[in-house]
Amino acid sequence: MQFRIRSFPSLLLSAVLLTCLAASAQATAETGAAFGSGDNLNLPLSAPARWIIDPTHLGTGQVDIAYDAAEKVAVMTPTWSAHDAASADPGIRNTANSKLFVFQLVPRSDCTQSESTFEISVPQAYVSEGRLGVMFCLQGDKHDDYLFNGKAFTMQDFADAKGGFKKLVVKASDFSEVEAKRRGVERVGFTFFRNGSMLSAPIKIRQISVQLNSARIVPPAAVAPVKNPASFYEFTYTAAAAIARLETRVSTESMDITRQVDDAGDGAALIPQWKAGQVPDGHPGNVHVYQSLGAPHNFEHFEVNYLLHIPRAYFEEGKIGLYLCIQAGETGYFVWSGTPKPLASFAAKAGQEVVLTLTEDDFKTGGGKKRDQIEFVGLQINRNGSTLTEPILLKRITVKLPQ
């Protein structure tokens, strides 16, 4: 007998994410009964609905998850195909960078001394193709800013199994991430990186457990609170040297954006590179622009104001998504917090100067991420299919913090 959860069309990823969050909340309420209070976390596999699919960060819902009662295994079958490259949905079309991230919720656990064990059967066809990537994952939930740990495996790691089951053991020391990211693990699961794979063969997984070794856990050292170097910053962008200090985040998810002094010399012209041929096929085309504060700051209470001029054409097209955001640096594990500012919410200022404000009030709902190590303030622009490349003018950023 097999039980299934259906795959999700990528065109509905926003709705899927809401569904995932609801499932996450329900699963959280059930984790105590499922896992008990012992030192060993054993993931129950007989209920496929316990698996949560996370479609964010180039994730898709292109997977069927089932339970094979005869073999007592979870069966995960990607629903990729060669037709995806022609899809109108960039999430599906991005065959080179998309991934499947599936996990179960577990009681919040310190995994700094953990030893995780699972058995996995990867069909020989994937090994022969050599594209698929597999990662075992331990991750925090919203209370721990979703801090992520991953141990990656290539298809070559499964060559000796010849399509049969291979037992893998992942120790805490096998993760390259810092130990602090394993203090509050609430998600245990797998990421399957497509890497251009066109196969849709079932991957079987059984006996997933995490031995916490709680007796060996060393409590974290106390951390001194951050003292803000200053309570006010003002950044203007009338000179090339100032604009050169604006940073971007470039990755498989986020592309670069041209930054230069505008013709009038009163701000930074941010010019999206969204013309034909400039965005890799399937790439979402999102851009991030950041201003460094030069050191960690405590943003428990704050106000950031952005003076912008957004051409009327963007309002008329109605596609781009604008976010105001702050981000920690390396000492804060680059934790990002942002809030949307839809163009429609300030349409009266189309083609004019407008001041947009970000404060702690914008983060009272939605996860409550830590803001005690903030080093950057910035903007995120989501393309959402826009074809416009008119300069968006950033004239000034001011930051106000408590004395």
Protein backbone atom coordinates (compact mmCIF):
# COMPACT_ATOMS: atom_id res chain seq x y z
CA MET A 1 0.00 0.00 0.00
CA GLN A 2 1.24 3.50 -0.82
CA PHE A 3 0.19 6.89 0.50
CA ARG A 4 0.96 10.04 -1.47
CA ILE A 5 1.01 13.78 -1.31
CA ARG A 6 0.61 15.44 -4.66
CA SER A 7 3.30 17.57 -6.29
CA PHE A 8 2.66 21.31 -6.45
CA PRO A 9 2.62 23.32 -9.71
CA SER A 10 5.38 25.92 -9.55
CA LEU A 11 3.03 28.62 -10.83
CA LEU A 12 1.33 28.41 -7.45
CA LEU A 13 4.44 28.58 -5.26
CA SER A 14 3.15 31.55 -3.26
CA ALA A 15 0.04 29.58 -2.35
CA VAL A 16 2.19 26.52 -1.74
CA LEU A 17 4.36 28.46 0.70
CA LEU A 18 1.29 29.51 2.66
CA THR A 19 0.16 25.89 2.67
CA CYS A 20 3.61 24.80 3.86
CA LEU A 21 3.52 27.32 6.69
CA ALA A 22 0.13 26.05 7.78
CA ALA A 23 1.38 22.46 7.59
CA SER A 24 4.45 23.51 9.55
CA ALA A 25 2.31 24.96 12.32
CA GLN A 26 0.19 21.81 12.50
CA ALA A 27 3.25 19.56 12.46
CA THR A 28 4.83 21.58 15.25
CA ALA A 29 1.89 20.76 17.48
CA GLU A 30 2.32 17.07 16.70
CA THR A 31 6.09 16.69 17.07
CA GLY A 32 6.08 16.00 20.80
CA ALA A 33 3.79 13.02 20.42
CA ALA A 34 5.67 11.73 17.39
CA PHE A 35 9.21 11.91 18.72
CA GLY A 36 8.89 11.65 22.48
CA SER A 37 11.50 13.04 24.84
CA GLY A 38 14.39 10.65 24.33
CA ASP A 39 17.93 11.38 23.14
CA ASN A 40 17.25 9.92 19.71
CA LEU A 41 15.02 11.55 17.08
CA ASN A 42 13.51 9.01 14.70
CA LEU A 43 11.58 10.48 11.78
CA PRO A 44 8.23 8.73 11.24
CA LEU A 45 7.93 7.80 7.57
CA SER A 46 4.50 6.16 7.36
CA ALA A 47 2.62 9.49 7.07
CA PRO A 48 3.75 11.35 3.91
CA ALA A 49 1.86 14.45 5.06
CA ARG A 50 4.54 14.96 7.71
CA TRP A 51 6.95 16.00 4.95
CA ILE A 52 6.91 19.72 4.27
CA ILE A 53 8.08 21.06 0.89
CA ASP A 54 9.81 24.45 1.03
CA PRO A 55 9.58 26.23 -2.36
CA THR A 56 11.65 29.29 -1.39
CA HIS A 57 15.19 30.07 -2.59
CA LEU A 58 14.90 28.37 -6.01
CA GLY A 59 12.92 25.50 -4.52
CA THR A 60 10.07 23.93 -6.45
CA GLY A 61 7.21 21.60 -5.59
CA GLN A 62 8.05 19.15 -8.40
CA VAL A 63 7.98 15.98 -6.32
CA ASP A 64 5.67 13.14 -5.34
CA ILE A 65 6.20 11.79 -1.81
CA ALA A 66 4.82 8.40 -0.87
CA TYR A 67 5.24 5.66 1.74
CA ASP A 68 5.85 2.09 0.67
CA ALA A 69 4.44 -0.03 3.49
CA ALA A 70 5.98 -3.26 2.17
CA GLU A 71 9.53 -1.86 2.23
CA LYS A 72 8.85 0.62 5.07
CA VAL A 73 10.48 3.44 3.12
CA ALA A 74 9.71 7.00 2.14
CA VAL A 75 9.64 7.29 -1.65
CA MET A 76 10.51 10.66 -3.19
CA THR A 77 10.04 10.94 -6.93
CA PRO A 78 11.00 14.18 -8.69
CA THR A 79 8.46 15.10 -11.38
CA TRP A 80 11.01 16.83 -13.61
CA SER A 81 10.97 16.38 -17.37
CA ALA A 82 12.77 17.54 -20.50
CA HIS A 83 9.77 19.79 -21.23
CA ASP A 84 10.59 22.00 -18.21
CA ALA A 85 13.17 24.02 -20.15
CA ALA A 86 10.35 25.48 -22.26
CA SER A 87 8.06 26.28 -19.32
CA ALA A 88 6.68 29.80 -18.94
CA ASP A 89 7.32 29.50 -15.19
CA PRO A 90 10.92 30.57 -14.40
CA GLY A 91 10.93 28.33 -11.33
CA ILE A 92 10.34 25.27 -13.50
CA ARG A 93 12.44 26.56 -16.40
CA ASN A 94 15.47 27.04 -14.17
CA THR A 95 16.55 23.43 -14.60
CA ALA A 96 20.18 24.23 -13.79
CA ASN A 97 19.62 25.77 -10.36
CA SER A 98 16.26 24.56 -9.00
CA LYS A 99 16.03 22.19 -6.07
CA LEU A 100 13.68 20.21 -3.89
CA PHE A 101 13.85 20.88 -0.15
CA VAL A 102 11.76 18.49 1.96
CA PHE A 103 11.84 18.18 5.72
CA GLN A 104 10.01 17.05 8.83
CA LEU A 105 9.64 19.11 11.97
CA VAL A 106 11.23 17.75 15.14
CA PRO A 107 11.28 19.07 18.72
CA ARG A 108 13.77 21.93 19.04
CA SER A 109 17.09 20.20 19.72
CA ASP A 110 20.73 21.08 20.31
CA CYS A 111 22.56 19.15 17.57
CA THR A 112 26.09 20.36 18.29
CA GLN A 113 27.08 16.80 19.26
CA SER A 114 24.65 14.94 17.02
CA GLU A 115 25.19 11.90 14.84
CA SER A 116 22.60 11.44 12.09
CA THR A 117 22.01 8.15 10.31
CA PHE A 118 19.88 7.29 7.30
CA GLU A 119 19.75 4.75 4.49
CA ILE A 120 19.11 5.90 0.95
CA SER A 121 18.64 4.16 -2.39
CA VAL A 122 19.52 6.32 -5.40
CA PRO A 123 18.64 4.67 -8.73
CA GLN A 124 21.61 3.82 -10.93
CA ALA A 125 20.18 6.04 -13.65
CA TYR A 126 20.93 9.14 -11.55
CA VAL A 127 24.45 7.89 -10.88
CA SER A 128 25.06 7.30 -14.57
CA GLU A 129 23.68 10.72 -15.46
CA GLY A 130 25.92 12.27 -12.78
CA ARG A 131 23.91 15.46 -12.24
CA LEU A 132 21.70 15.14 -9.17
CA GLY A 133 23.05 16.44 -5.86
CA VAL A 134 21.84 15.16 -2.47
CA MET A 135 22.21 17.03 0.80
CA PHE A 136 21.25 15.97 4.31
CA CYS A 137 19.97 19.01 6.22
CA LEU A 138 19.54 20.17 9.79
CA GLN A 139 17.85 23.55 10.11
CA GLY A 140 16.36 25.86 12.69
CA ASP A 141 12.81 27.11 12.43
CA LYS A 142 11.59 30.70 12.74
CA HIS A 143 12.67 30.95 16.40
CA ASP A 144 16.26 30.32 15.29
CA ASP A 145 16.18 32.36 12.07
CA TYR A 146 16.09 29.23 9.88
CA LEU A 147 19.85 28.75 10.33
CA PHE A 148 20.90 25.99 7.96
CA ASN A 149 23.38 23.09 8.04
CA GLY A 150 23.98 20.86 5.04
CA LYS A 151 26.18 17.86 4.22
CA ALA A 152 26.39 17.33 0.45
CA PHE A 153 26.79 14.12 -1.51
CA THR A 154 27.45 13.64 -5.22
CA MET A 155 26.27 10.81 -7.43
CA GLN A 156 29.74 9.33 -7.27
CA ASP A 157 29.18 8.73 -3.54
CA PHE A 158 26.43 6.25 -4.48
CA ALA A 159 28.24 4.45 -7.31
CA ASP A 160 29.28 1.51 -5.13
CA ALA A 161 25.68 0.88 -4.01
CA LYS A 162 24.60 0.11 -7.60
CA GLY A 163 21.09 1.36 -6.97
CA GLY A 164 20.70 -0.39 -3.63
CA PHE A 165 20.55 1.11 -0.16
CA LYS A 166 23.57 2.86 1.26
CA LYS A 167 23.88 3.69 4.96
CA LEU A 168 25.25 7.17 5.65
CA VAL A 169 26.32 8.69 8.95
CA VAL A 170 26.63 12.47 9.30
CA LYS A 171 28.36 13.75 12.42
CA ALA A 172 28.06 17.30 13.69
CA SER A 173 31.69 17.84 12.72
CA ASP A 174 30.86 16.97 9.08
CA PHE A 175 28.99 20.24 8.62
CA SER A 176 31.03 23.20 7.40
CA GLU A 177 28.76 25.72 9.13
CA VAL A 178 29.58 27.16 12.55
CA GLU A 179 28.44 25.23 15.62
CA ALA A 180 25.97 27.92 16.69
CA LYS A 181 23.76 27.07 13.71
CA ARG A 182 23.02 23.67 15.29
CA ARG A 183 21.89 24.93 18.70
CA GLY A 184 18.19 25.05 17.80
CA VAL A 185 17.43 22.50 15.09
CA GLU A 186 13.74 21.95 14.33
CA ARG A 187 13.89 20.67 10.75
CA VAL A 188 15.46 17.44 9.53
CA GLY A 189 15.36 16.59 5.85
CA PHE A 190 16.95 16.55 2.43
CA THR A 191 17.70 18.89 -0.45
CA PHE A 192 17.88 17.46 -3.95
CA PHE A 193 19.73 19.76 -6.34
CA ARG A 194 18.55 19.25 -9.90
CA ASN A 195 21.70 20.48 -11.71
CA GLY A 196 20.02 19.94 -15.06
CA SER A 197 18.84 16.39 -14.36
CA MET A 198 16.00 15.21 -16.58
CA LEU A 199 15.26 11.97 -14.74
CA SER A 200 12.17 11.22 -12.72
CA ALA A 201 13.06 8.04 -10.84
CA PRO A 202 12.02 7.21 -7.23
CA ILE A 203 14.55 7.79 -4.44
CA LYS A 204 13.92 5.66 -1.36
CA ILE A 205 14.91 6.62 2.18
CA ARG A 206 14.56 4.66 5.42
CA GLN A 207 15.54 4.69 9.09
CA ILE A 208 16.26 8.41 9.50
CA SER A 209 17.48 9.15 13.00
CA VAL A 210 19.42 11.84 14.85
CA GLN A 211 21.32 10.78 17.97
CA LEU A 212 21.71 13.96 20.03
CA ASN A 213 24.40 12.75 22.48
CA SER A 214 23.05 15.28 24.96
CA ALA A 215 25.51 14.33 27.70
CA ARG A 216 28.36 15.71 25.57
CA ILE A 217 26.71 19.06 24.77
CA VAL A 218 28.61 22.12 26.02
CA PRO A 219 26.38 25.15 26.68
CA PRO A 220 27.21 28.22 24.58
CA ALA A 221 29.38 30.95 26.05
CA ALA A 222 27.69 34.20 27.03
CA VAL A 223 27.75 36.84 24.30
CA ALA A 224 28.29 40.49 25.20
CA PRO A 225 25.53 42.74 23.87
CA VAL A 226 26.37 44.93 20.88
CA LYS A 227 26.93 48.61 21.64
CA ASN A 228 26.05 50.80 18.69
CA PRO A 229 29.01 52.90 17.48
CA ALA A 230 26.64 55.75 16.56
CA SER A 231 22.94 56.58 16.71
CA PHE A 232 22.60 58.32 13.33
CA TYR A 233 23.94 57.71 9.83
CA GLU A 234 23.29 59.56 6.59
CA PHE A 235 24.43 58.22 3.23
CA THR A 236 24.16 60.32 0.08
CA TYR A 237 25.11 59.24 -3.43
CA THR A 238 26.26 62.29 -5.39
CA ALA A 239 29.81 61.04 -5.99
CA ALA A 240 31.24 57.91 -7.58
CA ALA A 241 33.19 57.03 -4.40
CA ALA A 242 29.97 56.91 -2.35
CA ILE A 243 28.19 54.81 -4.95
CA ALA A 244 31.14 52.40 -5.08
CA ARG A 245 30.40 51.56 -1.45
CA LEU A 246 26.96 50.26 -2.39
CA GLU A 247 27.23 46.47 -2.43
CA THR A 248 25.21 43.84 -4.27
CA ARG A 249 24.52 40.18 -3.54
CA VAL A 250 25.17 38.04 -6.61
CA SER A 251 24.22 34.34 -6.64
CA THR A 252 22.14 31.81 -8.54
CA GLU A 253 19.13 33.65 -7.13
CA SER A 254 20.29 37.27 -7.30
CA MET A 255 21.98 39.08 -10.16
CA ASP A 256 24.10 42.22 -10.30
CA ILE A 257 22.68 45.71 -10.92
CA THR A 258 24.47 48.66 -12.50
CA ARG A 259 25.13 51.54 -10.10
CA GLN A 260 26.31 54.97 -11.25
CA VAL A 261 25.85 58.68 -10.57
CA ASP A 262 22.73 59.85 -12.38
CA ASP A 263 22.95 62.53 -15.06
CA ALA A 264 21.84 65.27 -12.66
CA GLY A 265 24.50 64.23 -10.12
CA ASP A 266 22.07 63.94 -7.20
CA GLY A 267 21.83 60.22 -6.62
CA ALA A 268 22.69 56.64 -7.51
CA ALA A 269 21.03 55.43 -10.69
CA LEU A 270 20.20 51.73 -10.19
CA ILE A 271 19.78 50.20 -13.64
CA PRO A 272 18.36 46.65 -13.83
CA GLN A 273 20.04 44.39 -16.39
CA TRP A 274 16.88 42.68 -17.60
CA LYS A 275 17.26 43.02 -21.35
CA ALA A 276 17.10 39.96 -23.59
CA GLY A 277 20.21 37.85 -23.18
CA GLN A 278 21.35 39.52 -19.95
CA VAL A 279 19.43 37.26 -17.56
CA PRO A 280 20.39 33.56 -17.54
CA ASP A 281 17.56 31.31 -18.73
CA GLY A 282 15.20 30.60 -15.87
CA HIS A 283 16.89 33.12 -13.56
CA PRO A 284 14.38 35.14 -11.50
CA GLY A 285 16.37 38.36 -12.05
CA ASN A 286 16.15 39.65 -8.47
CA VAL A 287 18.66 42.27 -7.34
CA HIS A 288 19.88 43.37 -3.90
CA VAL A 289 21.63 46.66 -3.10
CA TYR A 290 23.18 47.19 0.35
CA GLN A 291 24.86 49.99 2.28
CA SER A 292 27.33 48.83 4.92
CA LEU A 293 27.32 50.42 8.37
CA GLY A 294 30.87 49.21 8.94
CA ALA A 295 30.20 47.24 12.14
CA PRO A 296 27.48 45.20 13.88
CA HIS A 297 24.59 47.20 15.36
CA ASN A 298 21.62 46.41 17.57
CA PHE A 299 18.43 47.18 15.63
CA GLU A 300 15.97 46.25 18.37
CA HIS A 301 14.60 49.79 17.84
CA PHE A 302 15.42 51.62 14.63
CA GLU A 303 14.23 53.74 11.73
CA VAL A 304 15.67 53.61 8.23
CA ASN A 305 14.49 56.12 5.61
CA TYR A 306 15.10 55.72 1.88
CA LEU A 307 14.73 58.71 -0.47
CA LEU A 308 13.87 57.24 -3.88
CA HIS A 309 12.64 58.29 -7.30
CA ILE A 310 10.96 55.44 -9.18
CA PRO A 311 9.93 56.16 -12.81
CA ARG A 312 6.22 56.18 -13.52
CA ALA A 313 6.68 53.39 -16.09
CA TYR A 314 7.26 50.85 -13.31
CA PHE A 315 3.96 51.79 -11.66
CA GLU A 316 2.13 51.52 -14.97
CA GLU A 317 3.69 48.13 -15.73
CA GLY A 318 2.84 46.94 -12.21
CA LYS A 319 5.30 44.05 -11.99
CA ILE A 320 8.40 44.71 -9.89
CA GLY A 321 8.33 43.97 -6.18
CA LEU A 322 10.19 46.31 -3.84
CA TYR A 323 11.46 45.26 -0.40
CA LEU A 324 13.17 47.33 2.28
CA CYS A 325 15.62 45.19 4.22
CA ILE A 326 18.34 44.92 6.82
CA GLN A 327 20.93 42.16 7.17
CA ALA A 328 23.51 40.90 9.63
CA GLY A 329 27.11 40.30 8.69
CA GLU A 330 29.23 37.21 9.22
CA THR A 331 29.04 37.40 13.02
CA GLY A 332 25.26 37.36 12.76
CA TYR A 333 25.22 34.56 10.16
CA PHE A 334 23.92 36.98 7.49
CA VAL A 335 20.38 36.79 8.87
CA TRP A 336 18.12 38.82 6.56
CA SER A 337 14.91 40.65 7.42
CA GLY A 338 12.81 42.45 4.85
CA THR A 339 9.32 43.77 4.29
CA PRO A 340 7.51 44.46 1.00
CA LYS A 341 6.61 47.98 -0.07
CA PRO A 342 4.23 47.46 -3.02
CA LEU A 343 4.36 50.22 -5.61
CA ALA A 344 0.60 50.47 -5.39
CA SER A 345 0.92 51.60 -1.77
CA PHE A 346 2.59 54.86 -2.86
CA ALA A 347 1.27 55.19 -6.40
CA ALA A 348 0.56 58.90 -5.82
CA LYS A 349 4.33 59.38 -5.84
CA ALA A 350 4.90 57.69 -9.20
CA GLY A 351 7.69 59.51 -11.01
CA GLN A 352 8.36 61.72 -7.97
CA GLU A 353 10.61 61.66 -4.94
CA VAL A 354 9.29 59.51 -2.13
CA VAL A 355 10.55 58.65 1.35
CA LEU A 356 9.97 55.03 2.35
CA THR A 357 10.45 54.05 5.99
CA LEU A 358 11.43 50.78 7.67
CA THR A 359 11.17 50.32 11.45
CA GLU A 360 10.98 47.50 14.00
CA ASP A 361 7.19 47.72 13.71
CA ASP A 362 7.47 46.13 10.25
CA PHE A 363 8.78 42.95 11.89
CA LYS A 364 6.30 42.48 14.72
CA THR A 365 4.76 39.63 12.74
CA GLY A 366 6.44 37.12 10.48
CA GLY A 367 9.09 35.32 12.50
CA GLY A 368 10.71 37.86 14.81
CA LYS A 369 14.26 37.41 13.52
CA LYS A 370 17.16 38.57 15.66
CA ARG A 371 18.36 42.07 14.87
CA ASP A 372 21.29 42.44 17.26
CA GLN A 373 24.08 42.01 14.69
CA ILE A 374 22.89 44.21 11.79
CA GLU A 375 25.62 45.50 9.48
CA PHE A 376 23.73 46.39 6.28
CA VAL A 377 20.63 48.33 5.22
CA GLY A 378 19.33 47.97 1.71
CA LEU A 379 16.79 47.33 -1.03
CA GLN A 380 15.63 44.22 -2.84
CA ILE A 381 13.94 44.48 -6.23
CA ASN A 382 12.13 41.41 -7.57
CA ARG A 383 11.76 41.40 -11.33
CA ASN A 384 8.47 39.45 -11.50
CA GLY A 385 8.66 39.46 -15.30
CA SER A 386 9.39 43.18 -15.73
CA THR A 387 11.04 44.20 -19.01
CA LEU A 388 11.79 47.79 -17.99
CA THR A 389 15.35 49.01 -17.45
CA GLU A 390 14.77 52.65 -16.58
CA PRO A 391 17.05 53.87 -13.76
CA ILE A 392 15.62 53.76 -10.24
CA LEU A 393 17.17 56.64 -8.34
CA LEU A 394 18.44 56.16 -4.76
CA LYS A 395 19.24 59.60 -3.36
CA ARG A 396 19.71 59.07 0.36
CA ILE A 397 19.55 56.55 3.18
CA THR A 398 19.34 57.64 6.84
CA VAL A 399 19.54 55.35 9.86
CA LYS A 400 18.29 56.33 13.31
CA LEU A 401 19.07 54.24 16.40
CA PRO A 402 18.55 54.83 20.13
CA GLN A 403 21.16 56.99 21.87
